[in-house]
Amino acid sequence: MVDLTVLGMKNIGIILNPQARINKKKTADILDDLQNLFGDDTLLRLTNSKDETTDVVRSFIQEDIKFLLISGGDGTICNVLTSLINLSESDSLPVVVPLMGGTINMIGSDVGLRKSQLSVCKDLKKLIQNKEIIPVTERGLLRVEEENATEPTYGFTWIDGLLYNFMLDYYSQGAGVQVASMLAIKTVLMSIADTENGLFKQVDSRVEIDGKELPHEGHIFIISSCLKKFVFGFNIFHDNPAPGRSFNTVYMREPYLKKSKHKIPLGLYKGLESEDSGNFINQSVKNLRIQKNKGYIIDGEIYEHGTETDITITPGPKINIYSPNGEKELLIAEI
């Protein structure tokens, strides 16, 4: 087990995004709950923009927090971790605690945090006060470098193509389970009727995996992720990459979709194997380069470009995420 020294509740920093979908409906209630639970001993901050997030994260680094609680969706977590890693001069990062308050909450679901925000915080506070072990799950991050960008972005999942367009529709129609179900049915019907138009139109691209250029141009979608499960709990990945060393990537082209439509439902629950033709790849990789990209999503955060852009994705640092069903344990030793 790993020994983690905690100085007190001041080592807990909480960032709350009041614009996140769930939080937006009851921001005042959530704030009251957190303040009543932790009192003045915890650093609790609201952030309404990326600039505010950067300022708060900088102050948390100066306070040397040990636990970073993030109340919002996956996009909020992506923004917070990007600021944290780009600003931090230390390799030692705090334990991350996702508090599910947004539209997309894949990260919390992936590690088993399905309780309410207040319940998660109560459980964590009890463990800290009783000086008990902290169960955590280790996940790697993606380091996403955009051509001409001043600094990289960090997140758990990167998508483009069909799924990028799907998520744009999802957000534009209000998000939520009903919207997702409606769009999923629409997508299936479109795939049966016509794969060459709408969501299923191939995007222009050249793709390299681990320094080797793929034989075909264009693709329907690419998914790269360090999580075990995809959105809505789907188990689409075939490999089990080592955190911080590699990540899963699923790449699909139109010929595979036309030939293997009948396999797609199975592929949502059991990762399909790669094809020798190069039209479908499902494997762990160490380096992914996409040329001519026009837009993508990292953890629910949309990135759109006016011009074609080259994207390079490599493994980022490892993160310990608080998890009731943790894969390892951290010891609390008060000083």
C-alpha atoms as a PDB file:
ATOM      1  CA  MET A   1       0.000   0.000   0.000  1.00  0.00           C
ATOM      2  CA  VAL A   2       1.012   3.602  -0.592  1.00  0.00           C
ATOM      3  CA  ASP A   3       1.535   5.963   2.375  1.00  0.00           C
ATOM      4  CA  LEU A   4      -0.322   9.265   1.978  1.00  0.00           C
ATOM      5  CA  THR A   5       0.297  12.039   4.495  1.00  0.00           C
ATOM      6  CA  VAL A   6      -2.705  14.269   5.123  1.00  0.00           C
ATOM      7  CA  LEU A   7      -2.364  17.389   7.256  1.00  0.00           C
ATOM      8  CA  GLY A   8      -6.073  18.021   7.842  1.00  0.00           C
ATOM      9  CA  MET A   9      -9.244  19.111   6.100  1.00  0.00           C
ATOM     10  CA  LYS A  10      -7.434  22.119   4.608  1.00  0.00           C
ATOM     11  CA  ASN A  11      -5.854  19.577   2.310  1.00  0.00           C
ATOM     12  CA  ILE A  12      -9.218  19.172   0.571  1.00  0.00           C
ATOM     13  CA  GLY A  13      -9.970  21.481  -2.353  1.00  0.00           C
ATOM     14  CA  ILE A  14     -13.396  21.527  -4.015  1.00  0.00           C
ATOM     15  CA  ILE A  15     -14.126  23.084  -7.389  1.00  0.00           C
ATOM     16  CA  LEU A  16     -17.809  23.455  -8.286  1.00  0.00           C
ATOM     17  CA  ASN A  17     -18.987  24.374 -11.772  1.00  0.00           C
ATOM     18  CA  PRO A  18     -22.436  25.990 -11.341  1.00  0.00           C
ATOM     19  CA  GLN A  19     -23.020  25.809 -15.124  1.00  0.00           C
ATOM     20  CA  ALA A  20     -22.827  21.991 -15.215  1.00  0.00           C
ATOM     21  CA  ARG A  21     -26.174  20.428 -16.114  1.00  0.00           C
ATOM     22  CA  ILE A  22     -27.076  18.809 -12.770  1.00  0.00           C
ATOM     23  CA  ASN A  23     -25.470  21.576 -10.695  1.00  0.00           C
ATOM     24  CA  LYS A  24     -27.304  24.302 -12.597  1.00  0.00           C
ATOM     25  CA  LYS A  25     -30.644  23.075 -11.235  1.00  0.00           C
ATOM     26  CA  LYS A  26     -29.613  23.162  -7.563  1.00  0.00           C
ATOM     27  CA  THR A  27     -26.337  25.063  -7.125  1.00  0.00           C
ATOM     28  CA  ALA A  28     -27.413  26.737  -3.878  1.00  0.00           C
ATOM     29  CA  ASP A  29     -28.471  23.416  -2.314  1.00  0.00           C
ATOM     30  CA  ILE A  30     -25.212  21.711  -3.274  1.00  0.00           C
ATOM     31  CA  LEU A  31     -23.177  24.606  -1.877  1.00  0.00           C
ATOM     32  CA  ASP A  32     -25.117  24.539   1.383  1.00  0.00           C
ATOM     33  CA  ASP A  33     -24.634  20.772   1.686  1.00  0.00           C
ATOM     34  CA  LEU A  34     -20.885  20.979   1.111  1.00  0.00           C
ATOM     35  CA  GLN A  35     -20.408  23.953   3.437  1.00  0.00           C
ATOM     36  CA  ASN A  36     -22.454  22.300   6.190  1.00  0.00           C
ATOM     37  CA  LEU A  37     -20.468  19.084   5.815  1.00  0.00           C
ATOM     38  CA  PHE A  38     -16.968  20.542   5.673  1.00  0.00           C
ATOM     39  CA  GLY A  39     -17.405  23.940   7.332  1.00  0.00           C
ATOM     40  CA  ASP A  40     -14.613  26.460   6.853  1.00  0.00           C
ATOM     41  CA  ASP A  41     -11.866  23.845   6.966  1.00  0.00           C
ATOM     42  CA  THR A  42     -12.040  23.006   3.263  1.00  0.00           C
ATOM     43  CA  LEU A  43     -11.208  25.176   0.254  1.00  0.00           C
ATOM     44  CA  LEU A  44     -14.508  25.423  -1.669  1.00  0.00           C
ATOM     45  CA  ARG A  45     -14.507  27.497  -4.860  1.00  0.00           C
ATOM     46  CA  LEU A  46     -16.975  28.168  -7.711  1.00  0.00           C
ATOM     47  CA  THR A  47     -15.642  28.550 -11.251  1.00  0.00           C
ATOM     48  CA  ASN A  48     -17.599  29.911 -14.217  1.00  0.00           C
ATOM     49  CA  SER A  49     -14.851  29.898 -16.854  1.00  0.00           C
ATOM     50  CA  LYS A  50     -11.519  28.329 -17.800  1.00  0.00           C
ATOM     51  CA  ASP A  51      -9.674  31.447 -16.600  1.00  0.00           C
ATOM     52  CA  GLU A  52     -11.325  31.218 -13.185  1.00  0.00           C
ATOM     53  CA  THR A  53     -10.508  27.502 -13.060  1.00  0.00           C
ATOM     54  CA  THR A  54      -6.846  28.246 -13.737  1.00  0.00           C
ATOM     55  CA  ASP A  55      -6.713  30.815 -10.916  1.00  0.00           C
ATOM     56  CA  VAL A  56      -8.373  28.445  -8.438  1.00  0.00           C
ATOM     57  CA  VAL A  57      -6.128  25.534  -9.389  1.00  0.00           C
ATOM     58  CA  ARG A  58      -3.059  27.746  -8.941  1.00  0.00           C
ATOM     59  CA  SER A  59      -4.192  28.590  -5.399  1.00  0.00           C
ATOM     60  CA  PHE A  60      -4.831  24.904  -4.658  1.00  0.00           C
ATOM     61  CA  ILE A  61      -1.298  24.040  -5.764  1.00  0.00           C
ATOM     62  CA  GLN A  62       0.074  26.680  -3.391  1.00  0.00           C
ATOM     63  CA  GLU A  63      -1.993  25.149  -0.555  1.00  0.00           C
ATOM     64  CA  ASP A  64      -0.618  21.687  -1.427  1.00  0.00           C
ATOM     65  CA  ILE A  65      -4.023  20.014  -1.388  1.00  0.00           C
ATOM     66  CA  LYS A  66      -4.109  16.217  -1.174  1.00  0.00           C
ATOM     67  CA  PHE A  67      -7.693  15.666  -2.360  1.00  0.00           C
ATOM     68  CA  LEU A  68      -9.198  17.476  -5.351  1.00  0.00           C
ATOM     69  CA  LEU A  69     -12.999  17.207  -5.448  1.00  0.00           C
ATOM     70  CA  ILE A  70     -14.508  18.307  -8.774  1.00  0.00           C
ATOM     71  CA  SER A  71     -18.254  18.949  -8.951  1.00  0.00           C
ATOM     72  CA  GLY A  72     -19.338  19.070 -12.584  1.00  0.00           C
ATOM     73  CA  GLY A  73     -19.320  16.922 -15.676  1.00  0.00           C
ATOM     74  CA  ASP A  74     -16.413  15.295 -17.482  1.00  0.00           C
ATOM     75  CA  GLY A  75     -15.668  18.547 -19.322  1.00  0.00           C
ATOM     76  CA  THR A  76     -15.134  20.306 -15.987  1.00  0.00           C
ATOM     77  CA  ILE A  77     -12.772  17.542 -14.858  1.00  0.00           C
ATOM     78  CA  CYS A  78     -10.834  17.838 -18.135  1.00  0.00           C
ATOM     79  CA  ASN A  79     -10.415  21.609 -17.678  1.00  0.00           C
ATOM     80  CA  VAL A  80      -9.350  21.270 -14.037  1.00  0.00           C
ATOM     81  CA  LEU A  81      -6.810  18.495 -14.682  1.00  0.00           C
ATOM     82  CA  THR A  82      -5.374  20.331 -17.699  1.00  0.00           C
ATOM     83  CA  SER A  83      -4.769  23.418 -15.542  1.00  0.00           C
ATOM     84  CA  LEU A  84      -3.401  21.297 -12.690  1.00  0.00           C
ATOM     85  CA  ILE A  85      -0.847  19.433 -14.800  1.00  0.00           C
ATOM     86  CA  ASN A  86       0.226  22.431 -16.884  1.00  0.00           C
ATOM     87  CA  LEU A  87       0.709  24.580 -13.748  1.00  0.00           C
ATOM     88  CA  SER A  88       2.169  21.995 -11.386  1.00  0.00           C
ATOM     89  CA  GLU A  89       5.928  21.622 -11.045  1.00  0.00           C
ATOM     90  CA  SER A  90       5.541  18.383  -9.086  1.00  0.00           C
ATOM     91  CA  ASP A  91       4.967  14.838 -10.321  1.00  0.00           C
ATOM     92  CA  SER A  92       2.852  14.211  -7.211  1.00  0.00           C
ATOM     93  CA  LEU A  93      -0.798  14.944  -8.007  1.00  0.00           C
ATOM     94  CA  PRO A  94      -3.714  14.976  -5.548  1.00  0.00           C
ATOM     95  CA  VAL A  95      -6.283  12.214  -5.351  1.00  0.00           C
ATOM     96  CA  VAL A  96      -9.127  13.194  -7.692  1.00  0.00           C
ATOM     97  CA  VAL A  97     -12.733  12.807  -6.538  1.00  0.00           C
ATOM     98  CA  PRO A  98     -15.336  13.209  -9.340  1.00  0.00           C
ATOM     99  CA  LEU A  99     -18.647  14.538  -8.016  1.00  0.00           C
ATOM    100  CA  MET A 100     -21.135  13.777 -10.746  1.00  0.00           C
ATOM    101  CA  GLY A 101     -22.855  17.081 -11.520  1.00  0.00           C
ATOM    102  CA  GLY A 102     -22.748  17.402 -15.304  1.00  0.00           C
ATOM    103  CA  THR A 103     -24.193  16.154 -18.570  1.00  0.00           C
ATOM    104  CA  ILE A 104     -21.550  13.498 -19.219  1.00  0.00           C
ATOM    105  CA  ASN A 105     -20.215  11.663 -16.141  1.00  0.00           C
ATOM    106  CA  MET A 106     -18.191   8.804 -17.635  1.00  0.00           C
ATOM    107  CA  ILE A 107     -15.235   9.265 -15.286  1.00  0.00           C
ATOM    108  CA  GLY A 108     -17.219   8.881 -12.070  1.00  0.00           C
ATOM    109  CA  SER A 109     -19.186   5.951 -13.493  1.00  0.00           C
ATOM    110  CA  ASP A 110     -15.990   4.225 -14.644  1.00  0.00           C
ATOM    111  CA  VAL A 111     -14.659   4.007 -11.072  1.00  0.00           C
ATOM    112  CA  GLY A 112     -17.986   3.204  -9.411  1.00  0.00           C
ATOM    113  CA  LEU A 113     -18.926   6.637  -7.996  1.00  0.00           C
ATOM    114  CA  ARG A 114     -22.674   6.496  -8.610  1.00  0.00           C
ATOM    115  CA  LYS A 115     -23.873   7.993  -5.322  1.00  0.00           C
ATOM    116  CA  SER A 116     -25.002  11.582  -4.875  1.00  0.00           C
ATOM    117  CA  GLN A 117     -22.336  14.260  -4.447  1.00  0.00           C
ATOM    118  CA  LEU A 118     -23.133  14.661  -0.753  1.00  0.00           C
ATOM    119  CA  SER A 119     -22.990  10.898  -0.092  1.00  0.00           C
ATOM    120  CA  VAL A 120     -19.572  10.624  -1.762  1.00  0.00           C
ATOM    121  CA  CYS A 121     -18.268  13.542   0.315  1.00  0.00           C
ATOM    122  CA  LYS A 122     -19.649  12.069   3.564  1.00  0.00           C
ATOM    123  CA  ASP A 123     -17.959   8.736   2.866  1.00  0.00           C
ATOM    124  CA  LEU A 124     -14.641  10.409   2.060  1.00  0.00           C
ATOM    125  CA  LYS A 125     -14.741  12.708   5.124  1.00  0.00           C
ATOM    126  CA  LYS A 126     -15.377   9.721   7.385  1.00  0.00           C
ATOM    127  CA  LEU A 127     -12.383   7.843   5.971  1.00  0.00           C
ATOM    128  CA  ILE A 128     -10.112  10.865   6.460  1.00  0.00           C
ATOM    129  CA  GLN A 129     -11.308  11.654  10.007  1.00  0.00           C
ATOM    130  CA  ASN A 130     -10.954   8.006  11.072  1.00  0.00           C
ATOM    131  CA  LYS A 131      -7.508   7.874   9.467  1.00  0.00           C
ATOM    132  CA  GLU A 132      -8.599   4.873   7.454  1.00  0.00           C
ATOM    133  CA  ILE A 133      -7.242   3.676   4.127  1.00  0.00           C
ATOM    134  CA  ILE A 134      -8.439   5.464   0.999  1.00  0.00           C
ATOM    135  CA  PRO A 135      -9.465   3.123  -1.857  1.00  0.00           C
ATOM    136  CA  VAL A 136      -8.440   4.461  -5.251  1.00  0.00           C
ATOM    137  CA  THR A 137      -8.425   3.385  -8.883  1.00  0.00           C
ATOM    138  CA  GLU A 138      -5.468   4.367 -11.048  1.00  0.00           C
ATOM    139  CA  ARG A 139      -6.161   5.665 -14.535  1.00  0.00           C
ATOM    140  CA  GLY A 140      -3.881   7.204 -17.117  1.00  0.00           C
ATOM    141  CA  LEU A 141      -4.598  10.458 -18.914  1.00  0.00           C
ATOM    142  CA  LEU A 142      -4.376  11.325 -22.590  1.00  0.00           C
ATOM    143  CA  ARG A 143      -2.009  14.139 -23.549  1.00  0.00           C
ATOM    144  CA  VAL A 144      -3.585  15.875 -26.559  1.00  0.00           C
ATOM    145  CA  GLU A 145      -1.379  18.247 -28.520  1.00  0.00           C
ATOM    146  CA  GLU A 146      -2.999  20.423 -31.128  1.00  0.00           C
ATOM    147  CA  GLU A 147      -0.931  21.928 -33.932  1.00  0.00           C
ATOM    148  CA  ASN A 148       0.072  25.516 -33.036  1.00  0.00           C
ATOM    149  CA  ALA A 149      -1.453  25.297 -29.529  1.00  0.00           C
ATOM    150  CA  THR A 150       0.612  26.823 -26.711  1.00  0.00           C
ATOM    151  CA  GLU A 151       0.086  23.911 -24.285  1.00  0.00           C
ATOM    152  CA  PRO A 152      -1.412  20.406 -24.286  1.00  0.00           C
ATOM    153  CA  THR A 153      -4.846  19.397 -23.053  1.00  0.00           C
ATOM    154  CA  TYR A 154      -5.301  16.426 -20.715  1.00  0.00           C
ATOM    155  CA  GLY A 155      -8.320  14.167 -20.451  1.00  0.00           C
ATOM    156  CA  PHE A 156      -9.507  10.580 -20.307  1.00  0.00           C
ATOM    157  CA  THR A 157     -11.388  10.171 -23.621  1.00  0.00           C
ATOM    158  CA  TRP A 158     -10.975  11.740 -27.089  1.00  0.00           C
ATOM    159  CA  ILE A 159     -13.482  11.266 -29.938  1.00  0.00           C
ATOM    160  CA  ASP A 160     -14.059  12.593 -33.458  1.00  0.00           C
ATOM    161  CA  GLY A 161     -16.069  11.837 -36.577  1.00  0.00           C
ATOM    162  CA  LEU A 162     -19.479  10.197 -36.152  1.00  0.00           C
ATOM    163  CA  LEU A 163     -19.342  10.327 -32.352  1.00  0.00           C
ATOM    164  CA  TYR A 164     -18.244  13.970 -32.396  1.00  0.00           C
ATOM    165  CA  ASN A 165     -21.275  14.797 -34.577  1.00  0.00           C
ATOM    166  CA  PHE A 166     -23.490  12.620 -32.346  1.00  0.00           C
ATOM    167  CA  MET A 167     -22.413  14.564 -29.257  1.00  0.00           C
ATOM    168  CA  LEU A 168     -22.953  17.906 -31.005  1.00  0.00           C
ATOM    169  CA  ASP A 169     -26.555  16.814 -31.694  1.00  0.00           C
ATOM    170  CA  TYR A 170     -26.849  15.484 -28.134  1.00  0.00           C
ATOM    171  CA  TYR A 171     -25.889  18.817 -26.589  1.00  0.00           C
ATOM    172  CA  SER A 172     -27.887  20.927 -29.059  1.00  0.00           C
ATOM    173  CA  GLN A 173     -31.076  18.988 -28.230  1.00  0.00           C
ATOM    174  CA  GLY A 174     -30.744  19.405 -24.476  1.00  0.00           C
ATOM    175  CA  ALA A 175     -28.815  16.259 -23.495  1.00  0.00           C
ATOM    176  CA  GLY A 176     -30.154  13.701 -21.006  1.00  0.00           C
ATOM    177  CA  VAL A 177     -31.099  10.034 -21.207  1.00  0.00           C
ATOM    178  CA  GLN A 178     -34.163  10.571 -23.424  1.00  0.00           C
ATOM    179  CA  VAL A 179     -32.192  12.588 -25.962  1.00  0.00           C
ATOM    180  CA  ALA A 180     -29.411   9.973 -25.987  1.00  0.00           C
ATOM    181  CA  SER A 181     -31.921   7.158 -26.566  1.00  0.00           C
ATOM    182  CA  MET A 182     -33.639   9.044 -29.381  1.00  0.00           C
ATOM    183  CA  LEU A 183     -30.352   9.839 -31.115  1.00  0.00           C
ATOM    184  CA  ALA A 184     -29.120   6.250 -30.700  1.00  0.00           C
ATOM    185  CA  ILE A 185     -32.247   4.913 -32.430  1.00  0.00           C
ATOM    186  CA  LYS A 186     -31.902   7.539 -35.161  1.00  0.00           C
ATOM    187  CA  THR A 187     -28.251   6.605 -35.661  1.00  0.00           C
ATOM    188  CA  VAL A 188     -29.037   2.892 -36.003  1.00  0.00           C
ATOM    189  CA  LEU A 189     -31.791   3.600 -38.535  1.00  0.00           C
ATOM    190  CA  MET A 190     -29.475   5.866 -40.536  1.00  0.00           C
ATOM    191  CA  SER A 191     -26.781   3.182 -40.590  1.00  0.00           C
ATOM    192  CA  ILE A 192     -29.264   0.700 -42.039  1.00  0.00           C
ATOM    193  CA  ALA A 193     -30.584   3.143 -44.626  1.00  0.00           C
ATOM    194  CA  ASP A 194     -27.448   4.971 -45.791  1.00  0.00           C
ATOM    195  CA  THR A 195     -23.893   5.092 -44.469  1.00  0.00           C
ATOM    196  CA  GLU A 196     -22.671   7.746 -46.884  1.00  0.00           C
ATOM    197  CA  ASN A 197     -24.569  10.754 -45.578  1.00  0.00           C
ATOM    198  CA  GLY A 198     -25.169  12.610 -42.323  1.00  0.00           C
ATOM    199  CA  LEU A 199     -23.537  11.209 -39.216  1.00  0.00           C
ATOM    200  CA  PHE A 200     -21.972   8.316 -41.130  1.00  0.00           C
ATOM    201  CA  LYS A 201     -20.143  10.364 -43.728  1.00  0.00           C
ATOM    202  CA  GLN A 202     -16.405   9.675 -43.582  1.00  0.00           C
ATOM    203  CA  VAL A 203     -14.180  12.525 -42.436  1.00  0.00           C
ATOM    204  CA  ASP A 204     -11.101  13.323 -44.492  1.00  0.00           C
ATOM    205  CA  SER A 205      -7.946  12.278 -42.645  1.00  0.00           C
ATOM    206  CA  ARG A 206      -4.547  10.642 -42.583  1.00  0.00           C
ATOM    207  CA  VAL A 207      -3.862   8.631 -39.433  1.00  0.00           C
ATOM    208  CA  GLU A 208      -0.653   7.266 -37.901  1.00  0.00           C
ATOM    209  CA  ILE A 209      -0.513   4.733 -35.074  1.00  0.00           C
ATOM    210  CA  ASP A 210       2.798   4.281 -33.252  1.00  0.00           C
ATOM    211  CA  GLY A 211       4.668   5.968 -36.101  1.00  0.00           C
ATOM    212  CA  LYS A 212       3.121   3.846 -38.857  1.00  0.00           C
ATOM    213  CA  GLU A 213       0.749   5.492 -41.335  1.00  0.00           C
ATOM    214  CA  LEU A 214      -2.465   3.558 -41.865  1.00  0.00           C
ATOM    215  CA  PRO A 215      -3.068   2.319 -45.435  1.00  0.00           C
ATOM    216  CA  HIS A 216      -6.378   4.117 -46.017  1.00  0.00           C
ATOM    217  CA  GLU A 217      -7.482   7.749 -46.000  1.00  0.00           C
ATOM    218  CA  GLY A 218     -10.613   8.873 -44.169  1.00  0.00           C
ATOM    219  CA  HIS A 219     -12.529   7.324 -41.291  1.00  0.00           C
ATOM    220  CA  ILE A 220     -15.987   7.307 -39.701  1.00  0.00           C
ATOM    221  CA  PHE A 221     -14.772   7.748 -36.138  1.00  0.00           C
ATOM    222  CA  ILE A 222     -11.837   7.421 -33.764  1.00  0.00           C
ATOM    223  CA  ILE A 223     -12.140   6.889 -30.015  1.00  0.00           C
ATOM    224  CA  SER A 224      -9.100   7.020 -27.740  1.00  0.00           C
ATOM    225  CA  SER A 225      -9.530   6.452 -24.016  1.00  0.00           C
ATOM    226  CA  CYS A 226      -7.816   5.545 -20.760  1.00  0.00           C
ATOM    227  CA  LEU A 227     -11.107   4.455 -19.177  1.00  0.00           C
ATOM    228  CA  LYS A 228     -12.326   0.866 -19.006  1.00  0.00           C
ATOM    229  CA  LYS A 229     -15.810   1.713 -20.250  1.00  0.00           C
ATOM    230  CA  PHE A 230     -17.209   4.151 -22.786  1.00  0.00           C
ATOM    231  CA  VAL A 231     -20.188   6.507 -22.471  1.00  0.00           C
ATOM    232  CA  PHE A 232     -23.405   4.926 -21.078  1.00  0.00           C
ATOM    233  CA  GLY A 233     -21.281   2.081 -19.665  1.00  0.00           C
ATOM    234  CA  PHE A 234     -20.518   0.399 -23.001  1.00  0.00           C
ATOM    235  CA  ASN A 235     -17.556  -1.991 -22.941  1.00  0.00           C
ATOM    236  CA  ILE A 236     -16.167  -1.359 -26.430  1.00  0.00           C
ATOM    237  CA  PHE A 237     -12.410  -1.761 -25.897  1.00  0.00           C
ATOM    238  CA  HIS A 238     -10.497  -4.939 -26.675  1.00  0.00           C
ATOM    239  CA  ASP A 239      -7.182  -4.396 -24.855  1.00  0.00           C
ATOM    240  CA  ASN A 240      -6.198  -3.519 -21.297  1.00  0.00           C
ATOM    241  CA  PRO A 241      -3.461  -0.857 -21.603  1.00  0.00           C
ATOM    242  CA  ALA A 242      -1.047   0.041 -18.795  1.00  0.00           C
ATOM    243  CA  PRO A 243      -1.891   3.486 -17.283  1.00  0.00           C
ATOM    244  CA  GLY A 244       0.648   6.122 -18.255  1.00  0.00           C
ATOM    245  CA  ARG A 245       2.205   3.925 -20.956  1.00  0.00           C
ATOM    246  CA  SER A 246      -0.535   3.340 -23.552  1.00  0.00           C
ATOM    247  CA  PHE A 247      -4.254   3.865 -24.194  1.00  0.00           C
ATOM    248  CA  ASN A 248      -7.102   2.207 -26.074  1.00  0.00           C
ATOM    249  CA  THR A 249      -7.972   3.332 -29.590  1.00  0.00           C
ATOM    250  CA  VAL A 250     -10.908   2.293 -31.782  1.00  0.00           C
ATOM    251  CA  TYR A 251     -10.729   3.313 -35.460  1.00  0.00           C
ATOM    252  CA  MET A 252     -13.481   2.539 -37.989  1.00  0.00           C
ATOM    253  CA  ARG A 253     -13.867   3.119 -41.725  1.00  0.00           C
ATOM    254  CA  GLU A 254     -16.949   2.873 -43.916  1.00  0.00           C
ATOM    255  CA  PRO A 255     -16.132  -0.519 -45.571  1.00  0.00           C
ATOM    256  CA  TYR A 256     -16.053  -2.206 -42.161  1.00  0.00           C
ATOM    257  CA  LEU A 257     -19.365  -0.628 -41.128  1.00  0.00           C
ATOM    258  CA  LYS A 258     -21.072  -1.756 -44.355  1.00  0.00           C
ATOM    259  CA  LYS A 259     -19.748  -5.303 -44.030  1.00  0.00           C
ATOM    260  CA  SER A 260     -20.123  -5.753 -40.277  1.00  0.00           C
ATOM    261  CA  LYS A 261     -23.278  -3.877 -39.209  1.00  0.00           C
ATOM    262  CA  HIS A 262     -24.558  -7.039 -37.544  1.00  0.00           C
ATOM    263  CA  LYS A 263     -21.526  -7.039 -35.208  1.00  0.00           C
ATOM    264  CA  ILE A 264     -21.999  -3.499 -33.895  1.00  0.00           C
ATOM    265  CA  PRO A 265     -24.526  -4.318 -31.110  1.00  0.00           C
ATOM    266  CA  LEU A 266     -22.189  -7.032 -29.772  1.00  0.00           C
ATOM    267  CA  GLY A 267     -19.276  -4.613 -29.980  1.00  0.00           C
ATOM    268  CA  LEU A 268     -20.962  -2.314 -27.447  1.00  0.00           C
ATOM    269  CA  TYR A 269     -20.629  -4.975 -24.754  1.00  0.00           C
ATOM    270  CA  LYS A 270     -17.538  -6.906 -25.833  1.00  0.00           C
ATOM    271  CA  GLY A 271     -14.695  -5.191 -27.660  1.00  0.00           C
ATOM    272  CA  LEU A 272     -14.406  -6.417 -31.252  1.00  0.00           C
ATOM    273  CA  GLU A 273     -11.036  -7.537 -32.603  1.00  0.00           C
ATOM    274  CA  SER A 274      -9.078  -5.539 -35.181  1.00  0.00           C
ATOM    275  CA  GLU A 275      -9.306  -6.502 -38.856  1.00  0.00           C
ATOM    276  CA  ASP A 276      -6.276  -7.202 -41.052  1.00  0.00           C
ATOM    277  CA  SER A 277      -7.731  -4.954 -43.781  1.00  0.00           C
ATOM    278  CA  GLY A 278      -7.011  -1.875 -41.676  1.00  0.00           C
ATOM    279  CA  ASN A 279     -10.648  -0.741 -41.877  1.00  0.00           C
ATOM    280  CA  PHE A 280     -11.234  -1.486 -38.192  1.00  0.00           C
ATOM    281  CA  ILE A 281      -8.648  -1.221 -35.404  1.00  0.00           C
ATOM    282  CA  ASN A 282      -9.277  -1.832 -31.699  1.00  0.00           C
ATOM    283  CA  GLN A 283      -6.027  -1.957 -29.731  1.00  0.00           C
ATOM    284  CA  SER A 284      -3.820  -0.197 -27.199  1.00  0.00           C
ATOM    285  CA  VAL A 285      -1.408   2.340 -28.698  1.00  0.00           C
ATOM    286  CA  LYS A 286       1.358   4.662 -27.506  1.00  0.00           C
ATOM    287  CA  ASN A 287       1.138   7.380 -30.137  1.00  0.00           C
ATOM    288  CA  LEU A 288      -1.755   8.497 -32.340  1.00  0.00           C
ATOM    289  CA  ARG A 289      -1.574  11.238 -34.948  1.00  0.00           C
ATOM    290  CA  ILE A 290      -4.600  12.512 -36.870  1.00  0.00           C
ATOM    291  CA  GLN A 291      -4.066  14.902 -39.775  1.00  0.00           C
ATOM    292  CA  LYS A 292      -6.767  17.220 -41.192  1.00  0.00           C
ATOM    293  CA  ASN A 293      -8.926  17.171 -38.044  1.00  0.00           C
ATOM    294  CA  LYS A 294     -11.762  19.726 -37.985  1.00  0.00           C
ATOM    295  CA  GLY A 295     -13.190  19.106 -34.529  1.00  0.00           C
ATOM    296  CA  TYR A 296     -13.164  16.724 -31.580  1.00  0.00           C
ATOM    297  CA  ILE A 297     -14.392  16.213 -28.031  1.00  0.00           C
ATOM    298  CA  ILE A 298     -12.342  15.528 -24.902  1.00  0.00           C
ATOM    299  CA  ASP A 299     -14.410  14.293 -21.954  1.00  0.00           C
ATOM    300  CA  GLY A 300     -17.506  16.113 -23.142  1.00  0.00           C
ATOM    301  CA  GLU A 301     -15.647  19.376 -23.927  1.00  0.00           C
ATOM    302  CA  ILE A 302     -16.071  20.435 -27.578  1.00  0.00           C
ATOM    303  CA  TYR A 303     -13.095  21.704 -29.597  1.00  0.00           C
ATOM    304  CA  GLU A 304     -13.963  23.137 -33.023  1.00  0.00           C
ATOM    305  CA  HIS A 305     -11.549  24.505 -35.645  1.00  0.00           C
ATOM    306  CA  GLY A 306     -11.960  26.898 -38.521  1.00  0.00           C
ATOM    307  CA  THR A 307      -9.228  25.107 -40.446  1.00  0.00           C
ATOM    308  CA  GLU A 308      -7.775  21.587 -40.668  1.00  0.00           C
ATOM    309  CA  THR A 309      -5.492  20.801 -37.726  1.00  0.00           C
ATOM    310  CA  ASP A 310      -3.043  18.027 -36.867  1.00  0.00           C
ATOM    311  CA  ILE A 311      -3.609  16.293 -33.524  1.00  0.00           C
ATOM    312  CA  THR A 312      -1.109  14.126 -31.623  1.00  0.00           C
ATOM    313  CA  ILE A 313      -2.219  11.967 -28.695  1.00  0.00           C
ATOM    314  CA  THR A 314       0.219  10.290 -26.296  1.00  0.00           C
ATOM    315  CA  PRO A 315      -0.013   8.900 -22.739  1.00  0.00           C
ATOM    316  CA  GLY A 316      -0.187  11.527 -20.014  1.00  0.00           C
ATOM    317  CA  PRO A 317       0.462  11.139 -16.279  1.00  0.00           C
ATOM    318  CA  LYS A 318      -1.336   8.654 -14.043  1.00  0.00           C
ATOM    319  CA  ILE A 319      -4.098   9.844 -11.704  1.00  0.00           C
ATOM    320  CA  ASN A 320      -5.413   8.240  -8.510  1.00  0.00           C
ATOM    321  CA  ILE A 321      -9.216   8.505  -8.421  1.00  0.00           C
ATOM    322  CA  TYR A 322     -11.141   7.927  -5.206  1.00  0.00           C
ATOM    323  CA  SER A 323     -13.243   4.816  -5.741  1.00  0.00           C
ATOM    324  CA  PRO A 324     -15.308   2.679  -3.318  1.00  0.00           C
ATOM    325  CA  ASN A 325     -14.171  -0.386  -5.298  1.00  0.00           C
ATOM    326  CA  GLY A 326     -10.585   0.797  -5.591  1.00  0.00           C
ATOM    327  CA  GLU A 327      -7.880  -1.301  -7.195  1.00  0.00           C
ATOM    328  CA  LYS A 328      -5.318  -0.181  -4.594  1.00  0.00           C
ATOM    329  CA  GLU A 329      -5.232   1.608  -1.223  1.00  0.00           C
ATOM    330  CA  LEU A 330      -3.596   4.736   0.155  1.00  0.00           C
ATOM    331  CA  LEU A 331      -2.723   4.995   3.864  1.00  0.00           C
ATOM    332  CA  ILE A 332      -3.481   8.175   5.783  1.00  0.00           C
ATOM    333  CA  ALA A 333      -0.794   9.140   8.285  1.00  0.00           C
ATOM    334  CA  GLU A 334      -1.455  12.419  10.159  1.00  0.00           C
ATOM    335  CA  ILE A 335       1.527  14.655  11.081  1.00  0.00           C
END
